[in-house]
Protein backbone atom coordinates (compact mmCIF):
# COMPACT_ATOMS: atom_id res chain seq x y z
CA MET A 1 170.80 163.50 253.19
CA LYS A 2 171.58 166.08 250.00
CA ALA A 3 170.72 164.33 246.23
CA TYR A 4 172.10 165.22 243.21
CA TRP A 5 170.22 165.36 239.92
CA ILE A 6 172.74 164.82 237.02
CA ALA A 7 171.69 165.10 233.25
CA HIS A 8 173.91 165.21 230.03
CA VAL A 9 172.13 167.30 227.44
CA ASP A 10 172.76 167.18 223.19
CA VAL A 11 170.62 169.99 222.06
CA THR A 12 169.32 169.22 218.80
CA ASP A 13 167.21 172.09 218.15
CA PRO A 14 167.85 174.96 220.18
CA GLN A 15 164.92 177.23 219.36
CA GLN A 16 162.34 174.59 221.01
CA TYR A 17 165.27 173.50 223.82
CA GLN A 18 164.73 177.06 225.12
CA GLN A 19 161.01 176.42 226.14
CA TYR A 20 161.93 173.83 228.39
CA THR A 21 164.88 175.99 229.80
CA GLN A 22 162.37 178.76 230.55
CA ARG A 23 159.90 176.37 232.24
CA ALA A 24 161.98 173.75 234.45
CA PRO A 25 163.80 176.43 236.57
CA ALA A 26 160.46 176.91 238.06
CA ALA A 27 159.89 173.21 239.57
CA PHE A 28 163.47 172.95 240.40
CA SER A 29 162.96 175.93 242.74
CA GLN A 30 159.77 174.59 244.26
CA TYR A 31 161.19 171.37 245.55
CA GLY A 32 164.30 173.16 246.77
CA GLY A 33 166.66 172.39 243.81
CA ARG A 34 169.75 174.58 243.55
CA PHE A 35 171.92 174.64 240.19
CA LEU A 36 175.60 173.24 241.32
CA ALA A 37 176.52 173.36 237.32
CA ARG A 38 174.66 174.21 234.10
CA GLY A 39 176.61 174.13 230.54
CA GLY A 40 179.64 175.78 230.92
CA ARG A 41 183.16 174.37 230.15
CA SER A 42 183.24 170.39 230.46
CA GLU A 43 185.11 167.60 228.82
CA ALA A 44 184.66 163.64 229.37
CA LEU A 45 187.79 161.81 230.17
CA GLU A 46 186.06 158.32 230.34
CA GLY A 47 183.23 156.90 228.14
CA ARG A 48 181.17 158.32 225.73
CA PRO A 49 182.25 161.66 223.99
CA THR A 50 181.45 165.14 226.07
CA PRO A 51 177.30 166.30 226.11
CA GLN A 52 176.76 169.38 224.87
CA ARG A 53 175.65 170.30 228.10
CA SER A 54 176.19 168.87 231.54
CA VAL A 55 173.29 169.34 234.95
CA VAL A 56 174.30 169.48 238.52
CA ILE A 57 171.17 170.17 240.81
CA GLU A 58 171.32 169.67 244.14
CA PHE A 59 168.41 168.91 246.56
CA ASP A 60 167.65 168.77 250.38
CA SER A 61 166.51 164.94 249.77
CA TYR A 62 166.72 162.15 247.42
CA GLU A 63 162.55 161.96 247.71
CA GLN A 64 162.28 165.92 246.92
CA ALA A 65 164.45 164.92 243.78
CA LEU A 66 162.17 162.49 242.59
CA ALA A 67 159.17 164.34 243.54
CA CYS A 68 160.23 167.08 241.76
CA TYR A 69 161.05 165.07 238.54
CA ARG A 70 157.59 163.24 238.73
CA SER A 71 155.83 166.49 239.31
CA ALA A 72 153.19 168.02 236.84
CA GLU A 73 155.29 170.94 236.91
CA TYR A 74 158.39 169.68 235.53
CA GLN A 75 157.01 167.23 233.35
CA GLU A 76 154.96 170.06 232.00
CA ALA A 77 157.88 171.73 231.04
CA CYS A 78 159.96 167.98 230.04
CA GLY A 79 157.10 167.71 226.93
CA HIS A 80 158.57 170.58 225.31
CA ARG A 81 162.53 169.18 226.06
CA GLN A 82 160.88 165.95 223.59
CA GLY A 83 162.12 166.15 220.55
CA ALA A 84 164.26 168.99 221.09
CA ALA A 85 167.30 167.36 223.12
CA GLN A 86 168.85 164.43 223.81
CA ALA A 87 169.16 164.21 227.69
CA GLU A 88 170.56 161.19 230.21
CA VAL A 89 168.84 162.09 233.75
CA ILE A 90 170.31 160.32 236.82
CA ILE A 91 168.89 161.51 240.77
CA VAL A 92 171.83 159.75 243.03
CA GLU A 93 171.97 160.07 246.65
CA GLY A 94 174.71 162.33 248.66
CA VAL A 95 176.98 160.67 251.19
CA ALA A 96 176.66 160.98 254.62
CA PRO A 97 178.99 163.79 256.19
C-alpha cells in the first residue's frame, strides 16, 4: 500500500536550505519517492497559518517511506536543513484501492 510523506516547511535561511534541497532528492529517488507537490501555491483553510512550502512525496510502501527518512543519505541532507528551516514531516499510509 502506498504511503505519503507530507512536509510543511518555513525557510529561515534560504542559502543554507538550498544545500538541503540539492541533497535530499537523491535519497527520495533511492527509496522510490516521487514528488506529487513541491512548493507551489497553497492556502491554509483551517489550523495553522499557511507554511512557506508544502511537499508531498509518494512511496510504494510505508516501510520505504520510513526507511528513506531514517537512511544515512537523508539524515546527511537533513543536517543541512537544521538551522535553515522549521519543518513538520509526517508519513501517512494510503488507503486500499
